[in-house]
Amino acid sequence: GAGGLTYIARRAAENAETSTGKDLLPFLTEGFTAAAMAKVGTSALESRKLGFVLHSDVIVPHKDELLFVAINEAKSLFNGGYRAPHKRLFPVAGRDGRATILGSLVNMRDGGFISQHDFHIASLIANVVTGGDVESGTLVNEDYLMTLERQAFCSLIVHPKTQERILGMLNTGKPVRN
């Protein structure tokens, strides 16, 4: 519910726009997999390789310099007359993309590689990153995807198996597979 899945969908659309094929699904696959497998970057450089951090994003190697660099970046943006970009529409993979992802997930579940709850979580993630119940290529904005993301989060947070996973991680620092 914090925008990460929306970011994955938007970045996939941006990357597909600059490619020759225009098919969104290949660009969604890596981000979807990272989200579904709860993959995180262990450093800023690894996060950049995973596509979580843009090449234009400033990386500060020493935490003691973070505030100084942030203040200088903010001043530079202000002095340069920076304005937030206009919200724009971008295409999503829609029902067809979701069906393709779900087909792979069914195989993983039925093959015993993921649990039923893993399947449930990944299905919700797939719904968000593909834009929900819309045609392939439908133009959406970030607010629309954020609504889908919040709905998915709210449905998961009340699920007992999700709560078991959260408590397990907090208590042991290790993921619970249920």
C-alpha atoms as a PDB file:
ATOM      1  CA  GLY A   1       0.000   0.000   0.000  1.00  0.00           C
ATOM      2  CA  ALA A   2       3.020   2.342  -0.095  1.00  0.00           C
ATOM      3  CA  GLY A   3       3.480   2.725  -3.845  1.00  0.00           C
ATOM      4  CA  GLY A   4       6.156   0.162  -4.639  1.00  0.00           C
ATOM      5  CA  LEU A   5       3.920  -1.885  -6.930  1.00  0.00           C
ATOM      6  CA  THR A   6       2.662   1.266  -8.631  1.00  0.00           C
ATOM      7  CA  TYR A   7       6.298   2.224  -9.218  1.00  0.00           C
ATOM      8  CA  ILE A   8       7.016  -1.206 -10.755  1.00  0.00           C
ATOM      9  CA  ALA A   9       4.091  -0.821 -13.173  1.00  0.00           C
ATOM     10  CA  ARG A  10       5.058   2.730 -14.169  1.00  0.00           C
ATOM     11  CA  ARG A  11       8.720   1.819 -14.695  1.00  0.00           C
ATOM     12  CA  ALA A  12       7.707  -1.170 -16.838  1.00  0.00           C
ATOM     13  CA  ALA A  13       5.579   1.125 -19.008  1.00  0.00           C
ATOM     14  CA  GLU A  14       8.433   3.636 -19.318  1.00  0.00           C
ATOM     15  CA  ASN A  15      10.918   0.914 -20.266  1.00  0.00           C
ATOM     16  CA  ALA A  16       8.510  -0.650 -22.775  1.00  0.00           C
ATOM     17  CA  GLU A  17       7.933   2.765 -24.352  1.00  0.00           C
ATOM     18  CA  THR A  18      11.612   3.047 -25.248  1.00  0.00           C
ATOM     19  CA  SER A  19      11.856  -0.505 -26.586  1.00  0.00           C
ATOM     20  CA  THR A  20      10.952  -1.805 -30.004  1.00  0.00           C
ATOM     21  CA  GLY A  21       8.414  -4.438 -28.903  1.00  0.00           C
ATOM     22  CA  LYS A  22       6.086  -2.330 -26.736  1.00  0.00           C
ATOM     23  CA  ASP A  23       4.928  -5.488 -24.908  1.00  0.00           C
ATOM     24  CA  LEU A  24       4.765  -4.620 -21.210  1.00  0.00           C
ATOM     25  CA  LEU A  25       4.982  -8.120 -19.776  1.00  0.00           C
ATOM     26  CA  PRO A  26       8.736  -8.684 -20.237  1.00  0.00           C
ATOM     27  CA  PHE A  27       9.368  -5.407 -18.411  1.00  0.00           C
ATOM     28  CA  LEU A  28       6.990  -6.327 -15.583  1.00  0.00           C
ATOM     29  CA  THR A  29       8.483  -9.749 -14.936  1.00  0.00           C
ATOM     30  CA  GLU A  30      11.566  -8.689 -12.992  1.00  0.00           C
ATOM     31  CA  GLY A  31       9.749  -6.172 -10.800  1.00  0.00           C
ATOM     32  CA  PHE A  32       6.857  -8.547 -10.185  1.00  0.00           C
ATOM     33  CA  THR A  33       9.236 -11.349  -9.214  1.00  0.00           C
ATOM     34  CA  ALA A  34      11.165  -9.078  -6.848  1.00  0.00           C
ATOM     35  CA  ALA A  35       7.937  -7.969  -5.146  1.00  0.00           C
ATOM     36  CA  ALA A  36       6.369 -11.432  -5.011  1.00  0.00           C
ATOM     37  CA  MET A  37       9.529 -12.975  -3.574  1.00  0.00           C
ATOM     38  CA  ALA A  38       9.933 -10.035  -1.149  1.00  0.00           C
ATOM     39  CA  LYS A  39      13.373  -9.345  -2.589  1.00  0.00           C
ATOM     40  CA  VAL A  40      15.109  -6.290  -1.190  1.00  0.00           C
ATOM     41  CA  GLY A  41      18.313  -4.537  -2.085  1.00  0.00           C
ATOM     42  CA  THR A  42      20.982  -4.885   0.569  1.00  0.00           C
ATOM     43  CA  SER A  43      22.708  -1.737  -0.632  1.00  0.00           C
ATOM     44  CA  ALA A  44      21.989   1.275  -2.790  1.00  0.00           C
ATOM     45  CA  LEU A  45      24.052  -0.176  -5.629  1.00  0.00           C
ATOM     46  CA  GLU A  46      22.215  -3.503  -5.502  1.00  0.00           C
ATOM     47  CA  SER A  47      18.907  -1.626  -5.382  1.00  0.00           C
ATOM     48  CA  ARG A  48      19.970   0.224  -8.508  1.00  0.00           C
ATOM     49  CA  LYS A  49      20.721  -3.097 -10.248  1.00  0.00           C
ATOM     50  CA  LEU A  50      17.289  -4.382  -9.214  1.00  0.00           C
ATOM     51  CA  GLY A  51      15.672  -1.303 -10.739  1.00  0.00           C
ATOM     52  CA  PHE A  52      14.467   0.108  -7.428  1.00  0.00           C
ATOM     53  CA  VAL A  53      16.760   3.122  -7.721  1.00  0.00           C
ATOM     54  CA  LEU A  54      17.133   5.168 -10.890  1.00  0.00           C
ATOM     55  CA  HIS A  55      20.528   5.974 -12.361  1.00  0.00           C
ATOM     56  CA  SER A  56      19.701   9.647 -11.819  1.00  0.00           C
ATOM     57  CA  ASP A  57      19.040   9.123  -8.081  1.00  0.00           C
ATOM     58  CA  VAL A  58      21.735  10.405  -5.758  1.00  0.00           C
ATOM     59  CA  ILE A  59      23.429   7.747  -3.647  1.00  0.00           C
ATOM     60  CA  VAL A  60      25.112   8.899  -0.457  1.00  0.00           C
ATOM     61  CA  PRO A  61      27.694   6.335   0.688  1.00  0.00           C
ATOM     62  CA  HIS A  62      28.041   7.643   4.257  1.00  0.00           C
ATOM     63  CA  LYS A  63      24.963   8.027   6.454  1.00  0.00           C
ATOM     64  CA  ASP A  64      26.540  10.955   8.299  1.00  0.00           C
ATOM     65  CA  GLU A  65      26.410  12.954   5.054  1.00  0.00           C
ATOM     66  CA  LEU A  66      22.751  12.200   4.253  1.00  0.00           C
ATOM     67  CA  LEU A  67      21.217  15.336   5.742  1.00  0.00           C
ATOM     68  CA  PHE A  68      23.887  17.610   4.264  1.00  0.00           C
ATOM     69  CA  VAL A  69      23.469  16.130   0.776  1.00  0.00           C
ATOM     70  CA  ALA A  70      19.662  16.165   1.037  1.00  0.00           C
ATOM     71  CA  ILE A  71      19.595  19.833   2.022  1.00  0.00           C
ATOM     72  CA  ASN A  72      21.952  20.760  -0.818  1.00  0.00           C
ATOM     73  CA  GLU A  73      19.885  18.743  -3.329  1.00  0.00           C
ATOM     74  CA  ALA A  74      16.694  20.479  -2.149  1.00  0.00           C
ATOM     75  CA  LYS A  75      18.337  23.913  -2.424  1.00  0.00           C
ATOM     76  CA  SER A  76      19.626  23.088  -5.893  1.00  0.00           C
ATOM     77  CA  LEU A  77      16.183  21.972  -7.060  1.00  0.00           C
ATOM     78  CA  PHE A  78      14.582  25.098  -5.616  1.00  0.00           C
ATOM     79  CA  ASN A  79      17.183  27.442  -7.122  1.00  0.00           C
ATOM     80  CA  GLY A  80      16.781  25.697 -10.469  1.00  0.00           C
ATOM     81  CA  GLY A  81      13.037  26.343 -10.459  1.00  0.00           C
ATOM     82  CA  TYR A  82      12.116  22.673 -10.162  1.00  0.00           C
ATOM     83  CA  ARG A  83       8.457  21.793 -10.500  1.00  0.00           C
ATOM     84  CA  ALA A  84       7.038  18.345  -9.886  1.00  0.00           C
ATOM     85  CA  PRO A  85       6.270  16.606 -13.173  1.00  0.00           C
ATOM     86  CA  HIS A  86       2.661  16.549 -14.299  1.00  0.00           C
ATOM     87  CA  LYS A  87       0.869  13.335 -13.593  1.00  0.00           C
ATOM     88  CA  ARG A  88       0.642  11.369 -16.778  1.00  0.00           C
ATOM     89  CA  LEU A  89      -1.167   8.320 -17.976  1.00  0.00           C
ATOM     90  CA  PHE A  90       0.691   5.126 -18.842  1.00  0.00           C
ATOM     91  CA  PRO A  91      -0.381   1.748 -20.241  1.00  0.00           C
ATOM     92  CA  VAL A  92      -0.807  -1.395 -18.169  1.00  0.00           C
ATOM     93  CA  ALA A  93      -0.743  -5.062 -19.153  1.00  0.00           C
ATOM     94  CA  GLY A  94      -4.345  -5.610 -18.041  1.00  0.00           C
ATOM     95  CA  ARG A  95      -6.262  -8.893 -17.854  1.00  0.00           C
ATOM     96  CA  ASP A  96      -4.075 -10.607 -20.468  1.00  0.00           C
ATOM     97  CA  GLY A  97      -0.880  -9.834 -18.555  1.00  0.00           C
ATOM     98  CA  ARG A  98      -2.449 -10.886 -15.278  1.00  0.00           C
ATOM     99  CA  ALA A  99      -3.624 -14.183 -16.821  1.00  0.00           C
ATOM    100  CA  THR A 100      -0.100 -14.933 -18.053  1.00  0.00           C
ATOM    101  CA  ILE A 101       1.389 -14.271 -14.626  1.00  0.00           C
ATOM    102  CA  LEU A 102      -1.337 -16.276 -12.887  1.00  0.00           C
ATOM    103  CA  GLY A 103      -0.652 -19.224 -15.195  1.00  0.00           C
ATOM    104  CA  SER A 104       2.950 -19.304 -14.012  1.00  0.00           C
ATOM    105  CA  LEU A 105       1.850 -18.947 -10.395  1.00  0.00           C
ATOM    106  CA  VAL A 106      -0.576 -21.866 -10.691  1.00  0.00           C
ATOM    107  CA  ASN A 107       2.258 -24.044 -11.987  1.00  0.00           C
ATOM    108  CA  MET A 108       4.488 -22.965  -9.096  1.00  0.00           C
ATOM    109  CA  ARG A 109       1.753 -23.633  -6.533  1.00  0.00           C
ATOM    110  CA  ASP A 110       0.724 -26.973  -8.008  1.00  0.00           C
ATOM    111  CA  GLY A 111       4.378 -27.986  -8.273  1.00  0.00           C
ATOM    112  CA  GLY A 112       4.865 -27.307  -4.563  1.00  0.00           C
ATOM    113  CA  PHE A 113       7.269 -24.396  -5.071  1.00  0.00           C
ATOM    114  CA  ILE A 114       5.009 -21.858  -3.339  1.00  0.00           C
ATOM    115  CA  SER A 115       2.319 -22.184  -0.681  1.00  0.00           C
ATOM    116  CA  GLN A 116      -1.343 -21.332  -1.163  1.00  0.00           C
ATOM    117  CA  HIS A 117      -0.781 -18.097   0.774  1.00  0.00           C
ATOM    118  CA  ASP A 118       2.258 -17.242  -1.384  1.00  0.00           C
ATOM    119  CA  PHE A 119      -0.032 -17.765  -4.372  1.00  0.00           C
ATOM    120  CA  HIS A 120      -2.672 -15.480  -2.844  1.00  0.00           C
ATOM    121  CA  ILE A 121      -0.139 -12.716  -2.170  1.00  0.00           C
ATOM    122  CA  ALA A 122       1.455 -13.011  -5.615  1.00  0.00           C
ATOM    123  CA  SER A 123      -1.989 -12.952  -7.262  1.00  0.00           C
ATOM    124  CA  LEU A 124      -2.786  -9.659  -5.529  1.00  0.00           C
ATOM    125  CA  ILE A 125       0.587  -8.259  -6.585  1.00  0.00           C
ATOM    126  CA  ALA A 126      -0.074  -9.372 -10.173  1.00  0.00           C
ATOM    127  CA  ASN A 127      -3.453  -7.643 -10.114  1.00  0.00           C
ATOM    128  CA  VAL A 128      -1.864  -4.343  -9.099  1.00  0.00           C
ATOM    129  CA  VAL A 129       1.149  -4.343 -11.444  1.00  0.00           C
ATOM    130  CA  THR A 130      -1.025  -5.305 -14.439  1.00  0.00           C
ATOM    131  CA  GLY A 131      -3.660  -2.668 -13.701  1.00  0.00           C
ATOM    132  CA  GLY A 132      -6.502  -4.877 -12.524  1.00  0.00           C
ATOM    133  CA  ASP A 133      -9.563  -5.796 -14.532  1.00  0.00           C
ATOM    134  CA  VAL A 134      -8.857  -3.692 -17.646  1.00  0.00           C
ATOM    135  CA  GLU A 135      -7.911  -4.338 -21.253  1.00  0.00           C
ATOM    136  CA  SER A 136      -4.237  -4.632 -22.157  1.00  0.00           C
ATOM    137  CA  GLY A 137      -2.856  -1.210 -23.059  1.00  0.00           C
ATOM    138  CA  THR A 138      -5.417   0.724 -21.002  1.00  0.00           C
ATOM    139  CA  LEU A 139      -4.004   4.052 -19.859  1.00  0.00           C
ATOM    140  CA  VAL A 140      -4.097   4.583 -16.099  1.00  0.00           C
ATOM    141  CA  ASN A 141      -2.550   7.005 -13.637  1.00  0.00           C
ATOM    142  CA  GLU A 142      -0.665   6.387 -10.415  1.00  0.00           C
ATOM    143  CA  ASP A 143      -3.697   7.230  -8.275  1.00  0.00           C
ATOM    144  CA  TYR A 144      -5.657   4.389  -9.881  1.00  0.00           C
ATOM    145  CA  LEU A 145      -2.871   1.876  -9.196  1.00  0.00           C
ATOM    146  CA  MET A 146      -2.369   3.212  -5.665  1.00  0.00           C
ATOM    147  CA  THR A 147      -6.049   2.476  -4.995  1.00  0.00           C
ATOM    148  CA  LEU A 148      -5.564  -1.113  -6.193  1.00  0.00           C
ATOM    149  CA  GLU A 149      -2.418  -1.373  -4.090  1.00  0.00           C
ATOM    150  CA  ARG A 150      -4.140  -0.111  -0.933  1.00  0.00           C
ATOM    151  CA  GLN A 151      -7.052  -2.513  -1.465  1.00  0.00           C
ATOM    152  CA  ALA A 152      -4.625  -5.426  -1.816  1.00  0.00           C
ATOM    153  CA  PHE A 153      -2.686  -4.375   1.279  1.00  0.00           C
ATOM    154  CA  CYS A 154      -5.840  -3.961   3.376  1.00  0.00           C
ATOM    155  CA  SER A 155      -7.117  -7.392   2.350  1.00  0.00           C
ATOM    156  CA  LEU A 156      -3.770  -8.984   3.236  1.00  0.00           C
ATOM    157  CA  ILE A 157      -3.143  -7.279   6.563  1.00  0.00           C
ATOM    158  CA  VAL A 158      -6.271  -8.790   8.150  1.00  0.00           C
ATOM    159  CA  HIS A 159      -5.450 -12.307   6.921  1.00  0.00           C
ATOM    160  CA  PRO A 160      -4.278 -14.585   9.788  1.00  0.00           C
ATOM    161  CA  LYS A 161      -1.466 -16.112   7.696  1.00  0.00           C
ATOM    162  CA  THR A 162      -0.143 -12.642   6.860  1.00  0.00           C
ATOM    163  CA  GLN A 163      -0.220 -11.751  10.549  1.00  0.00           C
ATOM    164  CA  GLU A 164       1.670 -14.972  11.339  1.00  0.00           C
ATOM    165  CA  ARG A 165       4.316 -13.957   8.806  1.00  0.00           C
ATOM    166  CA  ILE A 166       4.662 -10.478  10.257  1.00  0.00           C
ATOM    167  CA  LEU A 167       4.943 -11.761  13.826  1.00  0.00           C
ATOM    168  CA  GLY A 168       7.397 -14.446  12.775  1.00  0.00           C
ATOM    169  CA  MET A 169       9.634 -11.898  11.075  1.00  0.00           C
ATOM    170  CA  LEU A 170       9.457  -9.540  14.058  1.00  0.00           C
ATOM    171  CA  ASN A 171      10.157 -12.299  16.582  1.00  0.00           C
ATOM    172  CA  THR A 172      12.802 -14.323  14.744  1.00  0.00           C
ATOM    173  CA  GLY A 173      14.028 -12.147  11.884  1.00  0.00           C
ATOM    174  CA  LYS A 174      13.303 -15.035   9.530  1.00  0.00           C
ATOM    175  CA  PRO A 175      10.476 -15.411   7.025  1.00  0.00           C
ATOM    176  CA  VAL A 176       7.601 -17.740   7.890  1.00  0.00           C
ATOM    177  CA  ARG A 177       6.372 -19.896   5.013  1.00  0.00           C
ATOM    178  CA  ASN A 178       2.776 -20.828   5.680  1.00  0.00           C
END
